[in-house]
Each structure stands twice: as C-alpha cells, then as structure tokens.
Protein backbone atom coordinates (compact mmCIF):
# COMPACT_ATOMS: atom_id res chain seq x y z
CA MET A 1 112.98 116.14 105.09
CA TYR A 2 111.46 118.90 103.31
CA THR A 3 110.14 118.10 99.95
CA ASP A 4 108.27 120.01 97.23
CA GLY A 5 107.08 119.49 93.82
CA GLY A 6 105.71 121.78 91.01
CA SER A 7 104.70 122.08 87.42
CA ARG A 8 104.61 124.92 85.14
CA GLY A 9 101.26 124.41 83.52
CA ASN A 10 99.02 121.68 85.14
CA PRO A 11 100.19 119.43 83.78
CA GLY A 12 103.24 120.65 82.37
CA PRO A 13 107.18 120.59 82.62
CA ALA A 14 107.43 119.39 86.52
CA GLY A 15 110.29 119.05 88.81
CA ILE A 16 111.01 117.95 92.48
CA GLY A 17 112.93 119.19 95.32
CA VAL A 18 114.03 117.45 98.22
CA TRP A 19 116.18 118.72 101.51
CA ILE A 20 117.31 115.90 103.84
CA GLU A 21 118.10 118.56 106.74
CA THR A 22 120.09 116.11 109.21
CA LEU A 23 122.12 114.58 106.69
CA ASP A 24 122.77 118.04 104.63
CA LYS A 25 121.52 116.46 101.19
CA LYS A 26 119.82 118.47 98.62
CA TYR A 27 118.32 117.28 95.61
CA GLY A 28 116.40 118.70 92.56
CA GLU A 29 115.25 116.99 89.31
CA CYS A 30 113.23 117.66 86.35
CA ILE A 31 110.55 114.50 86.34
CA GLY A 32 108.85 115.23 82.65
CA LYS A 33 105.49 116.44 82.29
CA ARG A 34 103.34 116.26 85.33
CA THR A 35 100.69 117.66 87.15
CA ASN A 36 101.42 119.47 90.50
CA ASN A 37 99.95 117.02 92.71
CA ASP A 38 101.94 114.40 91.01
CA ALA A 39 105.09 116.19 91.43
CA GLU A 40 104.35 116.59 95.15
CA TYR A 41 104.07 112.97 95.55
CA GLU A 42 106.78 112.00 93.53
CA ALA A 43 109.25 114.44 95.53
CA LEU A 44 108.05 112.39 98.61
CA ILE A 45 108.75 109.02 97.11
CA PHE A 46 112.21 110.20 95.92
CA GLY A 47 113.12 111.34 99.24
CA LEU A 48 112.13 108.32 101.19
CA LYS A 49 114.09 106.36 98.79
CA LYS A 50 116.78 108.60 99.13
CA ILE A 51 117.20 108.19 102.83
CA LYS A 52 116.87 104.54 102.98
CA ALA A 53 119.63 104.32 100.20
CA LEU A 54 122.05 106.73 102.15
CA LEU A 55 121.44 105.11 105.73
CA GLY A 56 121.13 101.25 104.27
CA LYS A 57 118.18 99.08 104.94
CA ALA A 58 119.09 98.10 108.59
CA LYS A 59 119.93 101.45 109.49
CA ALA A 60 116.88 102.99 108.22
CA LYS A 61 114.31 100.62 110.21
CA LYS A 62 115.84 102.38 113.42
CA TYR A 63 115.04 106.09 112.13
CA GLU A 64 112.16 108.15 112.41
CA VAL A 65 111.58 110.71 109.38
CA GLU A 66 109.37 113.58 109.45
CA CYS A 67 108.29 114.92 106.17
CA PHE A 68 107.42 118.50 105.87
CA LEU A 69 105.30 119.57 102.92
CA ASP A 70 103.85 122.64 101.83
CA SER A 71 101.04 120.77 99.95
CA GLU A 72 98.00 120.51 102.56
CA LEU A 73 96.21 118.42 100.27
CA VAL A 74 98.72 115.61 99.99
CA VAL A 75 99.36 115.79 103.56
CA LYS A 76 95.66 115.23 104.38
CA GLN A 77 95.58 112.55 101.98
CA LEU A 78 98.45 110.72 103.56
CA LYS A 79 96.68 111.24 107.00
CA HIS A 80 93.79 109.53 105.84
CA GLU A 81 91.56 112.81 106.23
CA TYR A 82 90.90 113.43 102.41
CA LYS A 83 89.98 110.47 100.05
CA LEU A 84 91.99 109.57 97.18
CA LYS A 85 89.68 109.50 94.12
CA GLU A 86 92.06 109.43 91.37
CA GLU A 87 93.67 106.26 90.54
CA ARG A 88 97.23 107.64 89.74
CA ILE A 89 97.11 109.16 93.29
CA GLN A 90 96.18 106.03 94.74
CA LYS A 91 99.09 104.33 93.36
CA TYR A 92 101.69 106.98 94.79
CA PHE A 93 99.70 106.69 98.31
CA ILE A 94 100.50 102.48 97.99
CA GLU A 95 104.08 103.29 97.14
CA ILE A 96 104.49 105.91 100.04
CA TRP A 97 102.89 103.42 102.55
CA ASN A 98 105.26 100.49 101.37
CA LEU A 99 108.35 102.91 102.00
CA MET A 100 106.98 103.58 105.16
CA LEU A 101 107.49 99.78 106.20
CA ASP A 102 111.27 100.53 105.88
CA PHE A 103 111.60 103.07 108.62
CA LYS A 104 110.60 103.19 112.37
CA LYS A 105 108.16 105.94 112.07
CA VAL A 106 107.21 108.40 109.03
CA GLU A 107 105.14 111.35 109.99
CA PHE A 108 103.65 113.89 107.40
CA ARG A 109 103.28 117.57 108.48
CA HIS A 110 102.09 120.48 106.56
CA ILE A 111 104.21 123.72 106.49
CA PRO A 112 103.49 126.94 105.14
CA ARG A 113 105.32 127.62 101.90
CA GLU A 114 107.80 130.29 103.25
CA LYS A 115 109.10 127.67 105.75
CA ASN A 116 109.92 125.11 102.64
CA ILE A 117 112.06 127.69 100.83
CA ILE A 118 114.91 125.28 100.09
CA ALA A 119 112.97 122.58 98.71
CA ASP A 120 111.09 125.17 96.79
CA GLY A 121 114.25 126.73 95.24
CA LEU A 122 115.44 123.28 94.18
CA VAL A 123 112.14 122.55 92.24
CA ASN A 124 112.63 126.11 90.55
CA GLU A 125 116.43 125.28 89.83
CA ALA A 126 115.32 122.07 87.96
CA LEU A 127 112.42 123.66 86.18
CA ASP A 128 114.78 126.53 85.15
CA ASN A 129 117.15 123.94 83.56
CA ASP A 130 117.18 124.32 79.54
CA GLY A 131 117.33 120.28 79.73
CA CYS A 132 114.12 120.29 81.55
CA GLN A 133 112.13 122.28 79.27
CA LYS A 134 113.91 120.65 76.01
CA SER A 135 112.95 116.99 77.46
CA LEU A 136 109.34 117.88 76.74
CA LEU A 137 109.64 119.11 73.13
C-alpha cells in the first residue's frame, strides 16, 4: 500500500491519497484543515482500515501489509526511531498500533517522493477539488 498526505499551508486544507496496489484500489479525499504530518498519519490509518474492510476481518489476519510512505519522519516514528512528542501524534500512533493487530504483519518503508507518484497525485486531486477548498470557508 502506498499512502501520502499533504496540506496547503501548515495547517491548511489537507488531503490523503491511498493506493492499494495488490487490490488495484485508489482513494483520494479531502480531510479538512490539518498539518502535513496529520495528513500523512490519516492517510495511513485510512488505508489500513480500507484494506481490512475490503478483505474482511478473518482474511485480513492472514495478510502481511507493506506500507510505503514518502514521509521519513512518520516512518521513523512508527519504527520507534524518533520520539512522539505531540499528543495528537501519539494518538495517531496508538490507532495505527491497534490497526496493526488486525493483520499478520505490517511494515513501514520510507520511499522517495518520486516513487510515490500515484498516492501523491490522489492527494493533489483531492486538494484541487473545489469542495475541498470551500469546506474550509
């Protein structure tokens, strides 16, 4: 699964992009006003929930999920290499940790931005949508 999140302004209008490559599913959504880091975490949470919903709970338990993110910060936080100082980021971490229990294994991998073109494009499509901008007025 490839995920990306972004905001225009920090915080500002934010969107998420998720490409579940093996299931050939793509999702992009406006998520309101968030920071870039919030959007990165929310994209990952959305993706893990979506995989579980698509597979079903019993089948999901048998699957290993590789999560590819272009946010080195988020990957290092999830791998316990960086501390989680902000309370809201700690809450995202706990939610992801709990979602990991729904799968056989979940791994997080940092990739360069140019290898995350599809998820990045989904974020930009969501942010370019007039409804995304108007929802913040």
